[in-house]
C-alpha atoms as a PDB file:
ATOM      1  CA  UNK A   1     -19.495  14.021  -9.895  1.00  0.00           C
ATOM      2  CA  UNK A   2     -20.999  10.005 -10.178  1.00  0.00           C
ATOM      3  CA  UNK A   3     -21.714   7.589  -7.280  1.00  0.00           C
ATOM      4  CA  UNK A   4     -19.794   4.771  -7.315  1.00  0.00           C
ATOM      5  CA  UNK A   5     -20.939   1.533  -4.885  1.00  0.00           C
ATOM      6  CA  UNK A   6     -17.237   0.250  -4.564  1.00  0.00           C
ATOM      7  CA  UNK A   7     -16.551   0.082  -0.846  1.00  0.00           C
ATOM      8  CA  UNK A   8     -13.692   2.201   0.535  1.00  0.00           C
ATOM      9  CA  UNK A   9     -10.414   0.708   1.444  1.00  0.00           C
ATOM     10  CA  UNK A  10      -9.754  -1.391   4.213  1.00  0.00           C
ATOM     11  CA  UNK A  11      -6.732  -2.375   5.821  1.00  0.00           C
ATOM     12  CA  UNK A  12      -6.981  -6.257   7.499  1.00  0.00           C
ATOM     13  CA  UNK A  13      -3.718  -7.983   8.935  1.00  0.00           C
ATOM     14  CA  UNK A  14      -3.732 -11.969   7.982  1.00  0.00           C
ATOM     15  CA  UNK A  15      -0.622 -14.054   9.544  1.00  0.00           C
ATOM     16  CA  UNK A  16       1.663 -11.362   8.867  1.00  0.00           C
ATOM     17  CA  UNK A  17       0.686 -10.082   5.973  1.00  0.00           C
ATOM     18  CA  UNK A  18      -0.914  -6.726   5.044  1.00  0.00           C
ATOM     19  CA  UNK A  19      -3.839  -6.863   2.596  1.00  0.00           C
ATOM     20  CA  UNK A  20      -5.566  -3.918   1.447  1.00  0.00           C
ATOM     21  CA  UNK A  21      -9.499  -4.107  -0.681  1.00  0.00           C
ATOM     22  CA  UNK A  22     -12.246  -2.006  -1.954  1.00  0.00           C
ATOM     23  CA  UNK A  23     -11.106   1.801  -3.024  1.00  0.00           C
ATOM     24  CA  UNK A  24      -8.417   3.533  -2.261  1.00  0.00           C
ATOM     25  CA  UNK A  25      -9.036   6.927  -2.912  1.00  0.00           C
ATOM     26  CA  UNK A  26      -8.975  10.753  -0.759  1.00  0.00           C
ATOM     27  CA  UNK A  27     -11.748   9.671   0.413  1.00  0.00           C
ATOM     28  CA  UNK A  28     -10.509   7.334   2.539  1.00  0.00           C
ATOM     29  CA  UNK A  29      -7.123   7.031   3.068  1.00  0.00           C
ATOM     30  CA  UNK A  30      -6.648   9.059   6.400  1.00  0.00           C
ATOM     31  CA  UNK A  31      -8.700   6.250   8.077  1.00  0.00           C
ATOM     32  CA  UNK A  32      -6.314   3.864   6.353  1.00  0.00           C
ATOM     33  CA  UNK A  33      -3.139   5.706   7.574  1.00  0.00           C
ATOM     34  CA  UNK A  34      -4.198   6.444  10.884  1.00  0.00           C
ATOM     35  CA  UNK A  35      -5.340   1.999  10.363  1.00  0.00           C
ATOM     36  CA  UNK A  36      -1.795   0.950   9.608  1.00  0.00           C
ATOM     37  CA  UNK A  37      -0.231   3.721  12.396  1.00  0.00           C
ATOM     38  CA  UNK A  38      -1.940   1.792  15.086  1.00  0.00           C
ATOM     39  CA  UNK A  39      -0.710  -1.315  13.419  1.00  0.00           C
ATOM     40  CA  UNK A  40       3.154  -3.407  13.866  1.00  0.00           C
ATOM     41  CA  UNK A  41       3.867  -3.541  10.350  1.00  0.00           C
ATOM     42  CA  UNK A  42       3.446  -6.468   8.907  1.00  0.00           C
ATOM     43  CA  UNK A  43       6.048  -9.114  10.473  1.00  0.00           C
ATOM     44  CA  UNK A  44       6.736 -11.086   6.619  1.00  0.00           C
ATOM     45  CA  UNK A  45       7.158  -7.450   5.295  1.00  0.00           C
ATOM     46  CA  UNK A  46       4.422  -7.488   2.204  1.00  0.00           C
ATOM     47  CA  UNK A  47       1.422  -5.860   2.075  1.00  0.00           C
ATOM     48  CA  UNK A  48      -0.983  -6.908  -0.095  1.00  0.00           C
ATOM     49  CA  UNK A  49      -2.888  -4.838  -3.172  1.00  0.00           C
ATOM     50  CA  UNK A  50      -4.382  -7.049  -5.303  1.00  0.00           C
ATOM     51  CA  UNK A  51      -7.878  -6.607  -3.487  1.00  0.00           C
ATOM     52  CA  UNK A  52      -8.075  -2.321  -4.227  1.00  0.00           C
ATOM     53  CA  UNK A  53     -10.175  -1.100  -6.676  1.00  0.00           C
ATOM     54  CA  UNK A  54     -10.314   1.805  -7.336  1.00  0.00           C
ATOM     55  CA  UNK A  55      -7.716   4.148  -6.535  1.00  0.00           C
ATOM     56  CA  UNK A  56      -6.079   8.069  -6.805  1.00  0.00           C
ATOM     57  CA  UNK A  57      -3.033  10.262  -6.702  1.00  0.00           C
ATOM     58  CA  UNK A  58      -4.102   9.367  -2.270  1.00  0.00           C
ATOM     59  CA  UNK A  59      -3.695   5.729  -2.274  1.00  0.00           C
ATOM     60  CA  UNK A  60       0.549   6.236  -3.794  1.00  0.00           C
ATOM     61  CA  UNK A  61       0.641   8.637  -1.064  1.00  0.00           C
ATOM     62  CA  UNK A  62      -0.199   6.340   1.405  1.00  0.00           C
ATOM     63  CA  UNK A  63       2.084   3.634  -0.291  1.00  0.00           C
ATOM     64  CA  UNK A  64       5.157   6.304   0.247  1.00  0.00           C
ATOM     65  CA  UNK A  65       3.899   6.623   3.837  1.00  0.00           C
ATOM     66  CA  UNK A  66       4.148   3.350   4.736  1.00  0.00           C
ATOM     67  CA  UNK A  67       7.853   3.264   2.643  1.00  0.00           C
ATOM     68  CA  UNK A  68       9.276   6.005   4.747  1.00  0.00           C
ATOM     69  CA  UNK A  69       7.747   4.004   7.837  1.00  0.00           C
ATOM     70  CA  UNK A  70       9.438   0.957   6.695  1.00  0.00           C
ATOM     71  CA  UNK A  71      13.052   2.443   6.190  1.00  0.00           C
ATOM     72  CA  UNK A  72      12.605   4.603   9.621  1.00  0.00           C
ATOM     73  CA  UNK A  73      11.775   1.235  11.348  1.00  0.00           C
ATOM     74  CA  UNK A  74      14.309  -0.442   9.357  1.00  0.00           C
ATOM     75  CA  UNK A  75      12.121  -2.761   8.846  1.00  0.00           C
ATOM     76  CA  UNK A  76      11.338  -4.612   5.283  1.00  0.00           C
ATOM     77  CA  UNK A  77       7.930  -3.563   3.188  1.00  0.00           C
ATOM     78  CA  UNK A  78       7.326  -5.404  -0.049  1.00  0.00           C
ATOM     79  CA  UNK A  79       4.344  -4.897  -2.220  1.00  0.00           C
ATOM     80  CA  UNK A  80       2.097  -7.250  -4.163  1.00  0.00           C
ATOM     81  CA  UNK A  81      -0.183  -7.874  -6.103  1.00  0.00           C
ATOM     82  CA  UNK A  82      -0.118  -4.281  -7.073  1.00  0.00           C
ATOM     83  CA  UNK A  83      -2.789  -3.170  -9.971  1.00  0.00           C
ATOM     84  CA  UNK A  84      -1.926  -1.688 -13.139  1.00  0.00           C
ATOM     85  CA  UNK A  85      -4.117   0.951 -12.390  1.00  0.00           C
ATOM     86  CA  UNK A  86      -1.790   2.032  -9.213  1.00  0.00           C
ATOM     87  CA  UNK A  87       0.907   1.028 -11.084  1.00  0.00           C
ATOM     88  CA  UNK A  88      -0.061   3.748 -13.770  1.00  0.00           C
ATOM     89  CA  UNK A  89       0.034   6.215 -11.318  1.00  0.00           C
ATOM     90  CA  UNK A  90       2.902   5.642  -9.545  1.00  0.00           C
ATOM     91  CA  UNK A  91       4.760   5.669 -12.849  1.00  0.00           C
ATOM     92  CA  UNK A  92       3.132   8.859 -13.913  1.00  0.00           C
ATOM     93  CA  UNK A  93       4.648  10.321 -10.584  1.00  0.00           C
ATOM     94  CA  UNK A  94       8.259   8.937 -11.221  1.00  0.00           C
ATOM     95  CA  UNK A  95       7.680   6.864  -8.083  1.00  0.00           C
ATOM     96  CA  UNK A  96       7.392   3.688  -9.612  1.00  0.00           C
ATOM     97  CA  UNK A  97      10.849   2.196  -8.389  1.00  0.00           C
ATOM     98  CA  UNK A  98       9.308   3.146  -4.679  1.00  0.00           C
ATOM     99  CA  UNK A  99       6.208   0.275  -4.869  1.00  0.00           C
ATOM    100  CA  UNK A 100       7.849  -2.274  -7.277  1.00  0.00           C
ATOM    101  CA  UNK A 101       8.846  -5.287  -5.776  1.00  0.00           C
ATOM    102  CA  UNK A 102      12.177  -4.877  -7.049  1.00  0.00           C
ATOM    103  CA  UNK A 103      12.782  -1.529  -4.964  1.00  0.00           C
ATOM    104  CA  UNK A 104      16.334  -1.526  -3.730  1.00  0.00           C
ATOM    105  CA  UNK A 105      16.270  -2.540   0.255  1.00  0.00           C
ATOM    106  CA  UNK A 106      12.557  -3.579  -0.119  1.00  0.00           C
ATOM    107  CA  UNK A 107      13.619  -7.289   0.012  1.00  0.00           C
ATOM    108  CA  UNK A 108      12.359  -9.710   2.528  1.00  0.00           C
ATOM    109  CA  UNK A 109      15.065 -11.272   4.578  1.00  0.00           C
ATOM    110  CA  UNK A 110      16.102 -14.541   4.401  1.00  0.00           C
ATOM    111  CA  UNK A 111      14.540 -16.568   6.114  1.00  0.00           C
END
């Protein structure tokens, strides 16, 4: 297996928005989920994925867990800046509608 210098994914909260950066793979998915559980859903209803690099199916699982949480809490959650590699995985698994900004019920409420 080839070693990579890309750092594991990091969840950060900035101005009521969640941001993910780094590699979101099986190696760090549990850590990202634990960090998100200890944090309120983003006040803006937006989770930015633009900083993601390498992803695998664990990234899709994290996003689906976040979507389920938002539904349980009756909150809006939109994924912005979905990288093409993650979009391709979501399409492969047939869940692309759940991570797209146009997903039914995922739009942030009007201000």
